[in-house]
């Protein structure tokens, strides 16, 4: 009897797919084991079990990077070929991505899998191509998530990798390849993608639309002190802020204090960030293969799994803390790229732009404009600025006082009919002429004349294009190095009479982010008087961050005016002035202007 015939007559194994893979599937590039080892990544066991049951038809696995998504596909593909044959399509973002994975990882697992060796006769060699393997009893395809690969192919198994990168509409086309077979199994395994919101616009990734159809499970740990069970979350981590002798933050020393704290209010047990503790918590909850059901509402046959990076026991929790500290620091200067990646890649949580911008509802601050009308200073006041936005034949003006450390209070905002009245209000509130800034973006020659008349300075926003200017540091330990600032070098706008007004360009987009975070209460204390006119709050909401398309059809994010925005412009200029004069410093500078 031939090996091929004997293999064909062998009954399927009774082993759980994870246990079967542990016996038979070698894995490439693993630092922990040369064979598939479900004890190292317990979060893969339940999804693999669902793959073998009769009820589950669709699965979505939202996992962080480094959690073994590719290893899952390698192990389950070997199991399919040996134990449950069926036409299979593995799809990644592009053809080259899918074929590279098959060539460098999958083929090595298939060839090293003992139960499959009888299925590799010499005549099969010509049936192994970069985009397919034609087995004696089934076929496998490898390709990108595109229409040419998803048309006219009927499959039993769909394996979708990193679907957060797929173009919208491709998941729907991919799912259609099953033709509603009763024994179909379709799996999307990916980091998180984009989620649209009313505030941000845009489009929710199909990955998340499919996950929303699922019954939802989270990988969890059980506290050894109180026996309570909790999903792994970043919010359970605590750390102490450590500073160097000169007062600057010591990020590494701060991260080294990281520990995980039981959320149970009656317990609050702490676990130091050690390999032994991380592995202990990874192994601690045994029911449901380590998962707890967090949302039982889902379509029949749809199972969704979520894993936080804190469960990956070989990665120190301190690394997550360091990444968050860095991401928050970048967010403070208007760049949310790292924070977005931290959510998507580490938390496996969808990102929407409302995490950076929300509808503004101002809180009570406990003071009125009259409390500071006679140039009375706020506590620990360091400097105050007047900022003015031109509105045709009139002006809008804000005066804000800034304290040491960056806390601030709005003292005045309102409509002002003339430039002379602006200067009178400036003087009433005790603002120095040189600390008064007028927008010169509108009718520049006339605005330059007003600036030179009163001894003010000029600001001009640079839209959504500029992210900053390079400055050479003139003093301190970093002398001679360069840093990025959100304002340009000094330039001059010429007035009609030939006089030159001192002006500065501003990187408007990152300043928008900084202002938004201040308004939302993240960072220095930012207040406005409780009797501010209704137009103030309305104007703060006059711009939103939306997703649009550029001339090439690519998605871009930009701040867009949706209504009157004079108060917001005035407050952006306030932030710019505070940065220039070192009153408020999301990024520390060692040199002066």
Protein backbone atom coordinates (compact mmCIF):
# COMPACT_ATOMS: atom_id res chain seq x y z
CA UNK A 1 0.00 0.00 0.00
CA UNK A 2 1.47 3.42 -0.95
CA UNK A 3 2.14 6.07 1.67
CA UNK A 4 -0.25 8.43 -0.13
CA UNK A 5 -3.08 5.86 -0.09
CA UNK A 6 -2.43 4.98 3.55
CA UNK A 7 -2.50 8.68 4.47
CA UNK A 8 -5.76 9.20 2.61
CA UNK A 9 -7.41 6.37 4.55
CA UNK A 10 -6.16 7.55 7.96
CA UNK A 11 -8.95 8.97 10.18
CA UNK A 12 -8.63 12.59 11.40
CA UNK A 13 -6.83 13.08 14.68
CA UNK A 14 -8.86 13.56 17.86
CA UNK A 15 -6.29 16.02 19.15
CA UNK A 16 -7.07 19.69 19.66
CA UNK A 17 -5.45 21.57 16.73
CA UNK A 18 -3.04 23.30 19.13
CA UNK A 19 -1.93 19.97 20.60
CA UNK A 20 -1.67 18.44 17.13
CA UNK A 21 0.48 21.37 15.98
CA UNK A 22 2.68 21.03 19.07
CA UNK A 23 3.56 17.50 17.94
CA UNK A 24 3.98 18.12 14.23
CA UNK A 25 4.53 21.77 13.19
CA UNK A 26 8.00 23.35 13.15
CA UNK A 27 7.99 27.14 13.25
CA UNK A 28 10.48 29.54 11.70
CA UNK A 29 12.19 32.42 13.52
CA UNK A 30 10.91 31.55 16.99
CA UNK A 31 13.21 32.55 19.85
CA UNK A 32 11.44 30.23 22.30
CA UNK A 33 10.86 26.92 20.54
CA UNK A 34 11.59 25.17 17.26
CA UNK A 35 8.13 23.60 17.31
CA UNK A 36 4.74 25.20 17.72
CA UNK A 37 4.31 25.55 21.49
CA UNK A 38 0.81 26.52 22.68
CA UNK A 39 2.04 26.94 26.26
CA UNK A 40 4.03 30.00 25.16
CA UNK A 41 1.10 31.73 23.45
CA UNK A 42 -2.00 30.47 25.22
CA UNK A 43 -4.13 33.11 23.49
CA UNK A 44 -3.89 31.09 20.24
CA UNK A 45 -5.43 27.94 21.71
CA UNK A 46 -9.09 28.99 21.82
CA UNK A 47 -9.14 30.40 18.25
CA UNK A 48 -7.52 27.18 17.03
CA UNK A 49 -10.19 25.18 18.86
CA UNK A 50 -12.92 27.25 17.22
CA UNK A 51 -11.34 26.50 13.86
CA UNK A 52 -11.98 22.79 14.44
CA UNK A 53 -15.52 22.98 15.81
CA UNK A 54 -18.68 22.75 13.73
CA UNK A 55 -20.43 25.93 14.88
CA UNK A 56 -17.85 28.65 14.21
CA UNK A 57 -17.84 30.06 10.70
CA UNK A 58 -16.14 33.45 11.08
CA UNK A 59 -13.43 34.65 13.45
CA UNK A 60 -11.75 38.01 13.98
CA UNK A 61 -8.54 38.12 16.02
CA UNK A 62 -7.46 41.63 17.06
CA UNK A 63 -3.93 41.00 18.29
CA UNK A 64 -0.94 43.30 18.86
CA UNK A 65 2.21 42.98 16.82
CA UNK A 66 4.46 40.15 17.94
CA UNK A 67 1.60 38.01 19.26
CA UNK A 68 2.09 35.13 16.80
CA UNK A 69 -0.51 35.83 14.12
CA UNK A 70 1.76 34.38 11.40
CA UNK A 71 2.52 31.38 13.61
CA UNK A 72 -1.22 30.78 13.96
CA UNK A 73 -1.59 30.69 10.18
CA UNK A 74 1.38 28.34 9.78
CA UNK A 75 0.06 25.89 12.37
CA UNK A 76 -3.56 25.94 11.23
CA UNK A 77 -2.56 25.56 7.56
CA UNK A 78 -0.61 22.38 8.35
CA UNK A 79 -3.59 21.11 10.33
CA UNK A 80 -5.96 21.85 7.42
CA UNK A 81 -3.88 19.91 4.91
CA UNK A 82 -3.54 16.90 7.22
CA UNK A 83 -6.78 16.79 9.18
CA UNK A 84 -9.51 18.74 7.41
CA UNK A 85 -8.65 19.28 3.72
CA UNK A 86 -10.32 22.07 1.83
CA UNK A 87 -9.52 24.74 -0.73
CA UNK A 88 -7.71 27.58 1.06
CA UNK A 89 -6.92 31.20 0.23
CA UNK A 90 -4.37 33.08 2.33
CA UNK A 91 -4.62 36.84 1.68
CA UNK A 92 -2.34 39.63 2.83
CA UNK A 93 -2.14 43.25 1.71
CA UNK A 94 -0.28 42.57 -1.54
CA UNK A 95 0.70 39.59 -3.71
CA UNK A 96 4.34 40.03 -2.73
CA UNK A 97 3.51 40.08 1.01
CA UNK A 98 1.51 36.86 0.76
CA UNK A 99 4.04 35.07 -1.42
CA UNK A 100 6.98 36.12 0.74
CA UNK A 101 5.27 34.66 3.82
CA UNK A 102 4.54 31.41 1.98
CA UNK A 103 8.11 31.12 0.72
CA UNK A 104 10.03 32.09 3.84
CA UNK A 105 7.80 30.64 6.56
CA UNK A 106 4.89 28.45 5.51
CA UNK A 107 6.75 26.12 3.14
CA UNK A 108 9.30 25.35 5.84
CA UNK A 109 6.53 24.40 8.25
CA UNK A 110 4.72 22.29 5.64
CA UNK A 111 7.87 20.44 4.60
CA UNK A 112 8.87 19.81 8.21
CA UNK A 113 5.43 18.51 9.20
CA UNK A 114 5.71 14.72 9.50
CA UNK A 115 2.06 13.82 8.66
CA UNK A 116 2.37 15.72 5.36
CA UNK A 117 5.55 14.10 4.07
CA UNK A 118 3.65 11.39 2.23
CA UNK A 119 1.83 14.13 0.32
CA UNK A 120 5.06 15.50 -1.17
CA UNK A 121 5.79 13.04 -4.02
CA UNK A 122 8.37 14.03 -6.60
CA UNK A 123 5.76 14.82 -9.23
CA UNK A 124 4.25 17.46 -6.94
CA UNK A 125 7.27 19.73 -7.26
CA UNK A 126 5.89 21.40 -10.37
CA UNK A 127 2.66 22.05 -8.48
CA UNK A 128 4.41 24.21 -5.87
CA UNK A 129 4.34 27.77 -7.18
CA UNK A 130 4.94 31.12 -5.57
CA UNK A 131 1.19 31.80 -5.51
CA UNK A 132 -0.20 28.29 -4.98
CA UNK A 133 0.31 24.72 -3.85
CA UNK A 134 -1.73 22.05 -5.61
CA UNK A 135 -1.90 19.09 -3.25
CA UNK A 136 -3.27 15.71 -4.38
CA UNK A 137 -6.45 16.33 -2.36
CA UNK A 138 -6.80 20.16 -2.21
CA UNK A 139 -5.22 23.43 -3.28
CA UNK A 140 -3.87 26.50 -1.47
CA UNK A 141 -3.62 30.01 -2.90
CA UNK A 142 -1.51 32.95 -1.69
CA UNK A 143 -2.24 36.47 -2.85
CA UNK A 144 -2.97 40.08 -2.08
CA UNK A 145 -6.31 41.49 -1.05
CA UNK A 146 -7.43 42.61 -4.51
CA UNK A 147 -10.25 41.97 -6.94
CA UNK A 148 -8.25 39.71 -9.26
CA UNK A 149 -7.54 37.29 -6.41
CA UNK A 150 -11.03 37.47 -4.94
CA UNK A 151 -12.96 36.87 -8.17
CA UNK A 152 -14.14 33.47 -9.43
CA UNK A 153 -12.40 31.47 -6.69
CA UNK A 154 -14.53 29.20 -4.53
CA UNK A 155 -12.86 28.27 -1.24
CA UNK A 156 -13.61 26.55 2.04
CA UNK A 157 -11.02 28.28 4.18
CA UNK A 158 -10.16 32.00 4.13
CA UNK A 159 -7.11 33.15 6.04
CA UNK A 160 -6.87 36.95 6.13
CA UNK A 161 -3.69 38.52 7.47
CA UNK A 162 -3.32 42.18 8.60
CA UNK A 163 -6.71 43.18 7.23
CA UNK A 164 -6.29 46.67 8.70
CA UNK A 165 -4.26 47.43 5.55
CA UNK A 166 -6.86 46.12 3.11
CA UNK A 167 -8.71 48.57 0.87
CA UNK A 168 -12.33 49.10 1.80
CA UNK A 169 -14.57 46.55 0.12
CA UNK A 170 -11.98 43.76 -0.06
CA UNK A 171 -13.17 41.96 3.09
CA UNK A 172 -16.65 41.73 1.60
CA UNK A 173 -15.26 40.33 -1.65
CA UNK A 174 -13.07 37.86 0.26
CA UNK A 175 -15.98 36.58 2.35
CA UNK A 176 -17.99 36.09 -0.84
CA UNK A 177 -15.55 33.40 -2.00
CA UNK A 178 -17.12 30.86 0.40
CA UNK A 179 -20.42 30.84 -1.50
CA UNK A 180 -22.00 30.25 1.94
CA UNK A 181 -20.58 26.75 2.32
CA UNK A 182 -21.80 25.05 5.47
CA UNK A 183 -18.26 24.02 6.43
CA UNK A 184 -16.56 27.34 5.70
CA UNK A 185 -14.02 28.90 8.08
CA UNK A 186 -12.92 32.50 7.54
CA UNK A 187 -10.39 34.14 9.86
CA UNK A 188 -9.16 37.73 10.00
CA UNK A 189 -6.08 38.16 12.20
CA UNK A 190 -4.72 41.67 12.45
CA UNK A 191 -3.62 44.57 14.55
CA UNK A 192 -6.32 47.21 14.93
CA UNK A 193 -7.26 49.70 12.22
CA UNK A 194 -9.38 52.82 11.84
CA UNK A 195 -12.76 53.53 13.41
CA UNK A 196 -14.79 56.45 12.13
CA UNK A 197 -16.71 58.76 14.42
CA UNK A 198 -19.17 61.57 13.99
CA UNK A 199 -16.46 64.02 15.02
CA UNK A 200 -13.70 62.70 12.77
CA UNK A 201 -15.50 61.59 9.62
CA UNK A 202 -13.72 58.96 7.61
CA UNK A 203 -14.58 55.31 7.23
CA UNK A 204 -14.48 52.40 9.67
CA UNK A 205 -12.22 49.56 8.58
CA UNK A 206 -14.10 46.44 7.49
CA UNK A 207 -11.94 44.58 9.99
CA UNK A 208 -13.77 46.34 12.82
CA UNK A 209 -17.14 46.05 11.12
CA UNK A 210 -16.63 42.27 11.09
CA UNK A 211 -15.44 42.26 14.70
CA UNK A 212 -18.62 44.10 15.69
CA UNK A 213 -20.63 41.13 14.38
CA UNK A 214 -18.85 38.76 16.77
CA UNK A 215 -19.33 37.49 20.27
CA UNK A 216 -16.29 39.05 21.96
CA UNK A 217 -13.61 37.42 24.12
CA UNK A 218 -10.63 39.02 25.89
CA UNK A 219 -7.54 37.17 27.07
CA UNK A 220 -7.39 37.51 30.86
CA UNK A 221 -5.45 36.92 34.05
CA UNK A 222 -6.55 35.80 37.49
CA UNK A 223 -5.23 37.63 40.52
CA UNK A 224 -3.50 35.15 42.84
CA UNK A 225 -4.41 37.31 45.85
CA UNK A 226 -8.18 37.71 45.41
CA UNK A 227 -8.96 35.29 42.52
CA UNK A 228 -10.69 38.02 40.52
CA UNK A 229 -10.35 37.68 36.74
CA UNK A 230 -9.50 40.69 34.56
CA UNK A 231 -8.73 41.23 30.88
CA UNK A 232 -5.17 42.42 30.34
CA UNK A 233 -5.28 46.22 29.92
CA UNK A 234 -2.70 48.99 29.97
CA UNK A 235 -4.77 50.88 32.54
CA UNK A 236 -3.76 48.27 35.15
CA UNK A 237 -0.13 49.43 34.96
CA UNK A 238 1.23 51.95 37.45
CA UNK A 239 4.58 53.74 37.53
CA UNK A 240 6.31 56.53 39.44
CA UNK A 241 7.55 59.65 37.70
CA UNK A 242 11.30 59.92 38.29
CA UNK A 243 13.29 63.05 37.55
CA UNK A 244 17.00 63.72 37.26
CA UNK A 245 18.81 66.13 39.55
CA UNK A 246 18.26 68.97 37.07
CA UNK A 247 14.50 68.39 37.15
CA UNK A 248 14.11 66.84 33.69
CA UNK A 249 12.18 63.57 33.35
CA UNK A 250 14.14 60.32 33.52
CA UNK A 251 12.00 58.15 31.25
CA UNK A 252 13.94 54.92 31.73
CA UNK A 253 13.98 55.23 35.52
CA UNK A 254 10.27 56.03 35.42
CA UNK A 255 9.49 52.97 33.30
CA UNK A 256 11.61 50.78 35.57
CA UNK A 257 9.06 51.36 38.36
CA UNK A 258 6.25 49.76 36.33
CA UNK A 259 4.01 47.20 38.01
CA UNK A 260 0.58 45.69 37.31
CA UNK A 261 -2.12 46.36 39.90
CA UNK A 262 -5.24 44.26 40.48
CA UNK A 263 -8.27 46.45 39.61
CA UNK A 264 -10.28 44.91 42.43
CA UNK A 265 -10.78 47.82 44.88
CA UNK A 266 -10.64 45.44 47.84
CA UNK A 267 -7.39 43.87 46.68
CA UNK A 268 -5.05 46.22 44.78
CA UNK A 269 -2.30 43.60 44.77
CA UNK A 270 0.81 44.72 42.88
CA UNK A 271 3.01 42.61 40.62
CA UNK A 272 6.48 43.79 39.69
CA UNK A 273 7.54 43.80 36.05
CA UNK A 274 9.60 40.59 36.08
CA UNK A 275 9.64 37.66 33.62
CA UNK A 276 8.42 35.34 36.38
CA UNK A 277 5.42 37.55 37.21
CA UNK A 278 4.53 38.15 33.58
CA UNK A 279 4.62 34.42 32.84
CA UNK A 280 2.70 33.62 36.02
CA UNK A 281 -0.13 35.98 35.05
CA UNK A 282 -0.09 34.67 31.46
CA UNK A 283 -0.72 31.15 32.83
CA UNK A 284 -3.04 32.17 35.68
CA UNK A 285 -6.52 31.84 34.18
CA UNK A 286 -7.30 28.37 32.84
CA UNK A 287 -11.00 28.43 32.02
CA UNK A 288 -11.98 28.99 28.38
CA UNK A 289 -8.30 28.69 27.43
CA UNK A 290 -7.62 31.95 29.24
CA UNK A 291 -10.43 34.04 27.74
CA UNK A 292 -13.37 35.78 29.37
CA UNK A 293 -16.53 36.70 27.49
CA UNK A 294 -16.85 40.49 27.42
CA UNK A 295 -19.79 40.81 25.02
CA UNK A 296 -22.14 37.92 24.33
CA UNK A 297 -24.05 39.73 21.58
CA UNK A 298 -22.94 38.40 18.23
CA UNK A 299 -24.16 36.60 15.15
CA UNK A 300 -24.34 32.83 15.34
CA UNK A 301 -20.99 31.35 14.34
CA UNK A 302 -19.06 34.62 14.75
CA UNK A 303 -16.31 34.71 17.39
CA UNK A 304 -14.09 37.72 18.11
CA UNK A 305 -10.87 37.58 20.12
CA UNK A 306 -8.88 40.46 21.56
CA UNK A 307 -5.43 40.49 23.13
CA UNK A 308 -3.62 43.36 24.84
CA UNK A 309 0.16 43.46 24.50
CA UNK A 310 0.48 43.23 28.29
CA UNK A 311 -0.31 39.51 28.00
CA UNK A 312 2.79 38.83 25.88
CA UNK A 313 4.88 37.65 28.79
CA UNK A 314 8.33 37.96 27.19
CA UNK A 315 7.87 41.72 26.57
CA UNK A 316 8.47 43.91 29.65
CA UNK A 317 5.54 46.11 30.62
CA UNK A 318 8.09 48.92 30.98
CA UNK A 319 8.45 48.98 27.18
CA UNK A 320 4.77 49.82 26.88
CA UNK A 321 5.14 52.61 29.40
CA UNK A 322 8.14 54.05 27.58
CA UNK A 323 6.25 54.01 24.29
CA UNK A 324 3.27 55.73 25.91
CA UNK A 325 5.43 58.44 27.49
CA UNK A 326 7.05 59.12 24.11
CA UNK A 327 3.72 59.07 22.29
CA UNK A 328 2.15 61.50 24.76
CA UNK A 329 5.10 63.83 24.38
CA UNK A 330 4.72 63.82 20.60
CA UNK A 331 0.98 64.35 20.94
CA UNK A 332 1.69 67.44 23.03
CA UNK A 333 3.43 69.03 20.04
CA UNK A 334 0.69 68.05 17.64
CA UNK A 335 1.93 64.76 16.22
CA UNK A 336 -0.42 61.87 17.06
CA UNK A 337 1.36 59.29 14.85
CA UNK A 338 3.06 57.44 17.71
CA UNK A 339 -0.04 57.49 19.91
CA UNK A 340 -2.12 56.07 17.06
CA UNK A 341 0.41 53.29 16.51
CA UNK A 342 0.52 52.59 20.24
CA UNK A 343 -3.25 52.04 20.28
CA UNK A 344 -3.35 49.99 17.10
CA UNK A 345 -0.18 47.92 17.44
CA UNK A 346 0.14 47.50 21.23
CA UNK A 347 -3.41 47.73 22.52
CA UNK A 348 -5.00 46.23 19.37
CA UNK A 349 -7.67 48.90 19.74
CA UNK A 350 -9.14 50.80 16.80
CA UNK A 351 -8.16 54.44 16.41
CA UNK A 352 -10.44 57.28 15.49
CA UNK A 353 -9.53 60.92 15.18
CA UNK A 354 -11.96 61.87 17.93
CA UNK A 355 -9.28 60.50 20.26
CA UNK A 356 -7.41 63.64 19.22
CA UNK A 357 -10.40 65.97 18.81
CA UNK A 358 -13.82 66.07 20.45
CA UNK A 359 -16.76 68.44 20.54
CA UNK A 360 -15.75 71.05 23.08
CA UNK A 361 -17.99 71.54 26.10
CA UNK A 362 -16.35 73.99 28.48
CA UNK A 363 -16.32 73.36 32.23
CA UNK A 364 -16.88 75.94 34.95
CA UNK A 365 -13.67 77.61 36.12
CA UNK A 366 -15.01 79.50 39.14
CA UNK A 367 -14.05 83.05 38.14
CA UNK A 368 -15.45 85.85 36.00
CA UNK A 369 -13.98 88.45 33.70
CA UNK A 370 -14.55 91.11 36.36
CA UNK A 371 -12.17 89.36 38.74
CA UNK A 372 -9.20 90.44 36.61
CA UNK A 373 -10.43 93.60 34.94
CA UNK A 374 -7.98 95.96 36.63
CA UNK A 375 -4.85 94.11 35.42
CA UNK A 376 -4.90 91.98 38.58
CA UNK A 377 -2.48 89.09 38.22
CA UNK A 378 -3.34 85.41 38.51
CA UNK A 379 -1.50 83.22 40.98
CA UNK A 380 2.17 82.75 40.02
CA UNK A 381 1.64 84.75 36.83
CA UNK A 382 4.70 84.90 34.60
CA UNK A 383 3.40 86.64 31.47
CA UNK A 384 0.21 87.62 29.66
CA UNK A 385 -0.48 88.05 25.95
CA UNK A 386 -3.11 89.75 23.82
CA UNK A 387 -3.90 88.00 20.52
CA UNK A 388 -6.07 89.50 17.81
CA UNK A 389 -7.75 87.97 14.78
CA UNK A 390 -8.87 90.35 12.04
CA UNK A 391 -12.42 89.94 10.73
CA UNK A 392 -12.74 92.35 7.82
CA UNK A 393 -13.59 95.78 9.25
CA UNK A 394 -13.50 94.56 12.86
CA UNK A 395 -11.43 92.40 15.21
CA UNK A 396 -11.74 89.57 17.74
CA UNK A 397 -9.43 89.75 20.72
CA UNK A 398 -8.31 87.42 23.53
CA UNK A 399 -6.20 88.14 26.58
CA UNK A 400 -4.81 85.22 28.57
CA UNK A 401 -2.50 85.20 31.60
CA UNK A 402 0.07 82.39 31.90
CA UNK A 403 1.54 81.12 35.14
CA UNK A 404 4.83 79.40 35.82
CA UNK A 405 4.54 75.81 34.54
CA UNK A 406 2.02 76.59 31.78
CA UNK A 407 -1.29 77.00 33.64
CA UNK A 408 -3.38 79.82 32.16
CA UNK A 409 -6.58 81.80 32.56
CA UNK A 410 -8.55 83.63 29.89
CA UNK A 411 -9.20 87.19 31.08
CA UNK A 412 -10.99 88.65 28.07
CA UNK A 413 -12.52 87.59 24.77
CA UNK A 414 -14.80 89.58 22.54
CA UNK A 415 -15.70 91.48 19.39
CA UNK A 416 -13.77 94.74 19.04
CA UNK A 417 -14.82 97.25 16.35
CA UNK A 418 -11.51 99.14 15.86
CA UNK A 419 -7.78 98.72 16.28
CA UNK A 420 -7.73 101.71 18.63
CA UNK A 421 -10.21 99.95 20.91
CA UNK A 422 -8.02 96.81 20.80
CA UNK A 423 -5.09 98.86 22.06
CA UNK A 424 -7.23 100.44 24.78
CA UNK A 425 -8.33 97.00 26.05
CA UNK A 426 -4.71 95.80 25.91
CA UNK A 427 -3.64 98.68 28.11
CA UNK A 428 -6.58 98.16 30.50
CA UNK A 429 -5.51 94.57 31.12
CA UNK A 430 -1.85 95.49 31.51
CA UNK A 431 -0.50 93.69 28.47
CA UNK A 432 2.79 94.96 27.09
CA UNK A 433 2.57 96.24 23.50
CA UNK A 434 5.38 93.90 22.43
CA UNK A 435 3.34 90.94 23.78
CA UNK A 436 0.36 91.77 21.58
CA UNK A 437 0.04 89.73 18.37
CA UNK A 438 -2.15 90.48 15.37
CA UNK A 439 -2.93 88.02 12.55
CA UNK A 440 -1.45 89.39 9.31
CA UNK A 441 -2.88 86.64 7.09
CA UNK A 442 -5.75 88.93 6.07
CA UNK A 443 -4.98 92.20 4.26
CA UNK A 444 -1.30 91.98 5.22
CA UNK A 445 -0.28 95.51 4.23
CA UNK A 446 -3.05 97.10 6.34
CA UNK A 447 -2.35 94.80 9.30
CA UNK A 448 1.36 95.61 9.09
CA UNK A 449 0.47 99.29 9.38
CA UNK A 450 -1.59 98.64 12.52
CA UNK A 451 1.26 96.64 14.06
CA UNK A 452 3.85 99.36 13.49
CA UNK A 453 1.39 102.00 14.77
CA UNK A 454 1.04 100.35 18.20
CA UNK A 455 4.31 98.46 18.55
CA UNK A 456 2.69 95.02 18.31
CA UNK A 457 3.95 91.91 16.52
CA UNK A 458 2.44 89.79 13.73
CA UNK A 459 1.51 86.11 13.39
CA UNK A 460 0.69 84.33 10.16
CA UNK A 461 -0.53 80.74 10.13
CA UNK A 462 0.92 78.29 7.63
CA UNK A 463 -2.22 76.16 7.19
CA UNK A 464 -2.01 72.36 7.22
CA UNK A 465 1.31 72.24 5.42
CA UNK A 466 4.09 73.15 7.82
CA UNK A 467 5.03 71.05 10.85
CA UNK A 468 7.82 73.27 12.17
CA UNK A 469 11.12 75.05 11.52
CA UNK A 470 14.66 73.97 12.35
CA UNK A 471 16.47 76.18 14.87
CA UNK A 472 20.05 75.96 16.04
CA UNK A 473 20.38 75.82 19.84
CA UNK A 474 22.55 78.73 20.96
CA UNK A 475 23.22 77.82 24.59
CA UNK A 476 23.19 75.02 27.12
CA UNK A 477 24.39 71.44 26.92
CA UNK A 478 22.89 71.03 23.44
CA UNK A 479 24.54 74.10 21.96
CA UNK A 480 25.13 73.69 18.23
CA UNK A 481 22.45 71.03 17.85
CA UNK A 482 19.16 71.64 16.05
CA UNK A 483 15.58 71.40 17.22
CA UNK A 484 12.16 71.85 15.64
CA UNK A 485 10.01 74.75 16.77
CA UNK A 486 6.45 75.60 15.79
CA UNK A 487 7.33 79.15 14.77
CA UNK A 488 9.65 80.50 12.11
CA UNK A 489 12.56 82.87 12.29
CA UNK A 490 11.61 86.55 12.42
CA UNK A 491 10.45 88.12 9.16
CA UNK A 492 8.95 91.50 8.26
CA UNK A 493 5.75 92.54 6.55
CA UNK A 494 5.85 95.91 4.83
CA UNK A 495 3.16 98.47 5.63
CA UNK A 496 1.77 100.97 3.11
CA UNK A 497 3.98 103.74 4.49
CA UNK A 498 7.09 101.56 4.07
CA UNK A 499 7.55 100.65 7.72
CA UNK A 500 8.25 97.01 8.50
CA UNK A 501 6.23 94.97 10.99
CA UNK A 502 8.00 92.21 12.90
CA UNK A 503 6.21 88.90 12.17
CA UNK A 504 6.43 85.12 12.66
CA UNK A 505 5.05 82.23 10.66
CA UNK A 506 3.26 79.53 12.69
CA UNK A 507 2.87 75.78 12.15
CA UNK A 508 -0.90 75.88 12.54
CA UNK A 509 -1.68 72.15 12.43
CA UNK A 510 0.47 71.00 15.38
CA UNK A 511 -0.63 74.08 17.33
CA UNK A 512 -4.22 72.95 16.75
CA UNK A 513 -3.43 69.63 18.42
CA UNK A 514 -1.76 71.30 21.40
CA UNK A 515 -4.72 73.64 21.91
CA UNK A 516 -7.19 70.77 21.63
CA UNK A 517 -5.39 68.75 24.30
CA UNK A 518 -5.29 71.77 26.63
CA UNK A 519 -9.01 72.37 26.13
CA UNK A 520 -9.74 68.72 26.93
CA UNK A 521 -7.86 68.97 30.21
CA UNK A 522 -4.77 67.01 29.22
CA UNK A 523 -1.70 68.88 30.35
CA UNK A 524 -1.41 72.27 32.03
CA UNK A 525 -4.52 73.77 33.64
CA UNK A 526 -6.30 75.78 30.94
CA UNK A 527 -9.27 77.93 32.05
CA UNK A 528 -11.67 80.55 30.77
CA UNK A 529 -13.92 82.89 32.75
CA UNK A 530 -17.41 81.54 33.34
CA UNK A 531 -19.12 84.60 31.82
CA UNK A 532 -17.30 84.33 28.48
CA UNK A 533 -19.70 85.15 25.63
CA UNK A 534 -21.49 82.19 23.92
CA UNK A 535 -19.52 82.93 20.76
CA UNK A 536 -16.34 81.82 22.53
CA UNK A 537 -17.35 78.16 22.87
CA UNK A 538 -18.97 78.23 19.43
CA UNK A 539 -15.76 79.53 17.84
CA UNK A 540 -13.63 76.92 19.61
CA UNK A 541 -15.69 74.30 17.78
CA UNK A 542 -15.27 76.17 14.49
CA UNK A 543 -12.59 73.76 13.24
CA UNK A 544 -12.53 69.97 13.22
CA UNK A 545 -10.00 67.36 12.22
CA UNK A 546 -11.48 65.44 9.28
CA UNK A 547 -10.30 62.81 6.81
CA UNK A 548 -10.24 63.94 3.20
CA UNK A 549 -8.61 62.78 -0.04
CA UNK A 550 -5.76 64.51 -1.83
CA UNK A 551 -5.39 64.89 -5.60
CA UNK A 552 -4.05 61.33 -5.87
CA UNK A 553 -6.99 59.87 -3.98
CA UNK A 554 -4.96 59.20 -0.82
CA UNK A 555 -6.57 59.75 2.56
CA UNK A 556 -5.20 62.76 4.42
CA UNK A 557 -6.17 64.30 7.75
CA UNK A 558 -6.49 68.03 8.06
CA UNK A 559 -8.03 70.66 10.27
CA UNK A 560 -10.99 72.14 8.45
CA UNK A 561 -13.08 75.19 9.21
CA UNK A 562 -16.74 74.33 9.72
CA UNK A 563 -17.92 77.66 11.14
CA UNK A 564 -16.74 80.90 12.75
CA UNK A 565 -13.38 80.23 14.40
CA UNK A 566 -12.04 83.56 15.65
CA UNK A 567 -11.75 82.46 19.30
CA UNK A 568 -9.90 79.34 18.24
CA UNK A 569 -7.47 81.38 16.15
CA UNK A 570 -6.87 83.74 19.06
CA UNK A 571 -6.18 80.79 21.37
CA UNK A 572 -3.82 79.18 18.85
CA UNK A 573 -1.88 82.45 18.82
CA UNK A 574 -1.85 82.38 22.64
CA UNK A 575 -0.23 78.93 22.60
CA UNK A 576 2.30 80.09 20.01
CA UNK A 577 3.23 83.14 22.08
CA UNK A 578 3.54 81.03 25.24
CA UNK A 579 5.86 78.64 23.40
CA UNK A 580 8.00 81.47 22.05
CA UNK A 581 8.48 83.01 25.49
CA UNK A 582 9.01 79.68 27.29
CA UNK A 583 5.92 80.05 29.46
CA UNK A 584 4.46 76.83 28.14
CA UNK A 585 6.78 74.14 26.80
CA UNK A 586 5.52 70.77 25.53
CA UNK A 587 9.07 70.40 24.21
CA UNK A 588 11.88 71.70 26.38
CA UNK A 589 14.22 74.25 24.77
CA UNK A 590 17.55 75.26 26.23
CA UNK A 591 18.00 78.44 24.22
CA UNK A 592 16.08 81.65 23.92
CA UNK A 593 14.53 83.29 20.91
